[in-house]
Protein backbone atom coordinates (compact mmCIF):
# COMPACT_ATOMS: atom_id res chain seq x y z
CA MET A 1 -10.47 -12.25 -10.67
CA ASP A 2 -7.07 -12.78 -12.26
CA GLU A 3 -4.60 -15.19 -10.68
CA TRP A 4 -2.27 -13.23 -8.41
CA GLY A 5 0.47 -13.92 -5.90
CA LEU A 6 2.92 -12.27 -3.56
CA ARG A 7 6.65 -12.79 -3.49
CA PRO A 8 9.38 -11.21 -1.36
CA ALA A 9 10.91 -8.13 -2.94
CA GLY A 10 14.60 -7.91 -3.66
CA PRO A 11 16.94 -4.97 -4.21
CA ALA A 12 16.50 -5.33 -8.00
CA ASP A 13 12.78 -4.49 -7.66
CA VAL A 14 13.40 -0.90 -6.56
CA ASP A 15 13.23 0.65 -10.05
CA ASP A 16 9.98 -1.11 -10.99
CA VAL A 17 8.42 -0.10 -7.66
CA ALA A 18 9.62 3.52 -7.94
CA GLU A 19 8.24 3.82 -11.47
CA LEU A 20 4.91 2.31 -10.46
CA ARG A 21 4.67 4.74 -7.54
CA ALA A 22 5.16 7.67 -9.93
CA VAL A 23 2.44 6.41 -12.26
CA VAL A 24 -0.09 5.59 -9.54
CA LEU A 25 0.36 8.74 -7.44
CA ARG A 26 0.69 11.22 -10.30
CA GLY A 27 -2.99 12.23 -10.52
CA ASP A 28 -3.44 12.78 -6.78
CA LEU A 29 -0.11 14.57 -6.41
CA GLU A 30 -0.87 16.85 -9.38
CA ARG A 31 -4.31 17.63 -7.94
CA LEU A 32 -2.63 18.61 -4.66
CA GLY A 33 0.05 20.65 -6.48
CA ARG A 34 2.82 18.36 -5.19
CA PHE A 35 3.94 16.26 -8.17
CA ASP A 36 7.66 16.30 -8.90
CA GLU A 37 9.05 13.76 -11.41
CA SER A 38 12.25 13.02 -9.52
CA ARG A 39 11.01 13.46 -5.94
CA VAL A 40 8.19 10.91 -6.34
CA ARG A 41 10.70 8.25 -7.39
CA GLY A 42 13.50 9.39 -5.10
CA ARG A 43 11.41 9.20 -1.94
CA LEU A 44 10.61 5.57 -2.72
CA ARG A 45 14.22 4.70 -3.53
CA ASP A 46 15.48 6.38 -0.34
CA GLY A 47 13.06 4.43 1.86
CA PHE A 48 12.89 1.10 0.02
CA VAL A 49 13.43 -1.84 2.37
CA PRO A 50 13.14 -5.13 0.47
CA ALA A 51 12.77 -7.11 3.71
CA HIS A 52 9.47 -5.29 4.42
CA THR A 53 8.20 -5.31 0.84
CA ARG A 54 6.35 -7.85 -1.27
CA VAL A 55 5.83 -7.76 -5.00
CA ILE A 56 2.35 -8.43 -6.36
CA GLU A 57 2.36 -10.53 -9.51
CA VAL A 58 -0.62 -11.09 -11.77
CA GLY A 59 -0.24 -13.96 -14.19
CA GLY A 60 3.39 -14.24 -13.06
CA VAL A 61 4.21 -10.64 -14.06
CA PHE A 62 5.04 -7.63 -11.85
CA ALA A 63 1.81 -5.73 -11.19
CA GLY A 64 2.32 -4.00 -7.87
CA CYS A 65 3.82 -3.94 -4.44
CA VAL A 66 3.04 -3.51 -0.77
CA ALA A 67 5.21 -2.97 2.30
CA VAL A 68 4.47 -3.61 5.95
CA ARG A 69 6.96 -1.81 8.17
CA PRO A 70 7.12 -2.65 11.88
CA GLY A 71 6.61 0.33 14.18
CA ALA A 72 6.57 0.96 17.92
CA ASP A 73 2.84 0.51 18.53
CA ALA A 74 1.65 -0.56 15.07
CA HIS A 75 2.89 -1.76 11.71
CA TRP A 76 2.70 0.69 8.81
CA LEU A 77 1.09 -0.42 5.56
CA GLU A 78 3.05 1.46 2.92
CA HIS A 79 3.73 1.56 -0.80
CA PHE A 80 0.59 -0.36 -1.73
CA TYR A 81 0.43 0.25 -5.48
CA LEU A 82 -1.26 -1.68 -8.27
CA ALA A 83 -0.57 -1.06 -11.93
CA PRO A 84 -3.51 0.75 -13.55
CA HIS A 85 -4.21 -2.13 -15.96
CA VAL A 86 -5.02 -4.50 -13.04
CA GLN A 87 -6.95 -2.06 -10.87
CA GLY A 88 -10.68 -2.62 -10.43
CA ARG A 89 -10.45 -6.43 -10.63
CA GLY A 90 -10.59 -7.20 -6.90
CA ILE A 91 -6.86 -7.82 -6.60
CA GLY A 92 -6.25 -4.91 -4.24
CA SER A 93 -9.03 -6.10 -1.92
CA ALA A 94 -7.69 -9.66 -2.04
CA VAL A 95 -4.12 -8.59 -1.24
CA LEU A 96 -5.34 -6.32 1.54
CA GLY A 97 -7.50 -9.13 2.93
CA ARG A 98 -4.47 -11.41 3.11
CA LEU A 99 -2.42 -8.74 4.90
CA LEU A 100 -5.24 -8.03 7.35
CA GLY A 101 -5.53 -11.73 8.11
CA GLU A 102 -1.81 -11.84 8.90
CA ALA A 103 -2.13 -8.78 11.14
CA ASP A 104 -5.16 -10.22 12.93
CA ARG A 105 -3.40 -13.52 13.59
CA GLY A 106 -0.48 -11.59 15.08
CA SER A 107 -2.75 -9.13 16.99
CA VAL A 108 -1.07 -6.26 15.13
CA ARG A 109 -2.56 -2.78 14.77
CA LEU A 110 -2.04 -1.33 11.29
CA ARG A 111 -1.57 2.31 10.33
CA LEU A 112 -1.31 3.96 6.93
CA ASN A 113 -1.74 7.27 5.24
CA VAL A 114 -3.33 8.22 1.94
CA LEU A 115 -3.36 11.50 0.08
CA GLN A 116 -6.39 13.73 0.58
CA GLY A 117 -9.01 12.86 -2.04
CA SER A 118 -7.44 9.51 -2.93
CA ALA A 119 -9.84 6.80 -4.07
CA ALA A 120 -7.73 4.32 -2.06
CA ARG A 121 -9.25 5.70 1.14
CA ARG A 122 -12.56 3.98 0.34
CA LEU A 123 -10.80 0.61 -0.01
CA TYR A 124 -9.19 0.96 3.40
CA GLU A 125 -12.37 2.15 5.09
CA ARG A 126 -14.30 -0.82 3.63
CA HIS A 127 -11.72 -3.05 5.34
CA GLY A 128 -12.10 -1.52 8.80
CA PHE A 129 -9.63 1.37 8.82
CA VAL A 130 -10.82 4.56 10.53
CA VAL A 131 -9.48 8.10 10.36
CA GLU A 132 -7.01 8.86 13.12
CA ARG A 133 -6.07 12.38 11.95
CA GLU A 134 -5.83 14.53 8.85
CA ASP A 135 -3.75 17.39 7.55
CA PRO A 136 -4.05 19.36 4.31
CA VAL A 137 -2.19 16.67 2.33
CA ASP A 138 -2.60 13.34 4.15
CA VAL A 139 -5.28 11.29 5.88
CA PHE A 140 -3.92 8.93 8.56
CA LEU A 141 -5.92 5.76 9.14
CA VAL A 142 -5.68 2.99 11.72
CA ARG A 143 -7.13 -0.50 12.06
CA GLU A 144 -7.18 -2.51 15.27
CA PRO A 145 -6.69 -6.26 14.95
CA VAL A 146 -9.84 -8.35 14.86
CA ALA A 147 -9.90 -11.32 17.21
CA GLY A 148 -10.71 -14.65 15.61
CA PRO A 149 -13.33 -17.07 16.88
CA GLY A 150 -12.79 -18.71 20.27
């Protein structure tokens, strides 16, 4: 696996993150008849909170992002995108594993949603997420924290 790391996001990262979101979601959104060039970027820009977001770097270069937003009864895992050229190398699983470890240590339930038919669903299910509900566009998943030994 390539060397990767996480760093806190800053306001200047919003354009890179919005562009990556458009690239990564395009196929699923087109399949669902919901792709719109400006909306896909605008929704990210409107909801971007650097304090909740981390940038994924591979070899010291921007390669993705992930946000964990605190909620009332769970934290929401959002905007987890990896650039296509680094997908399939185990980086997504490694990043997710780190985030799950943090959630487990804090006894935090995690929620997320993926688009219907998204390959990302398999990644989340392999890491203990289960379907909470579905609608025609989204699948909502939840993962309870796992208690550590003793």
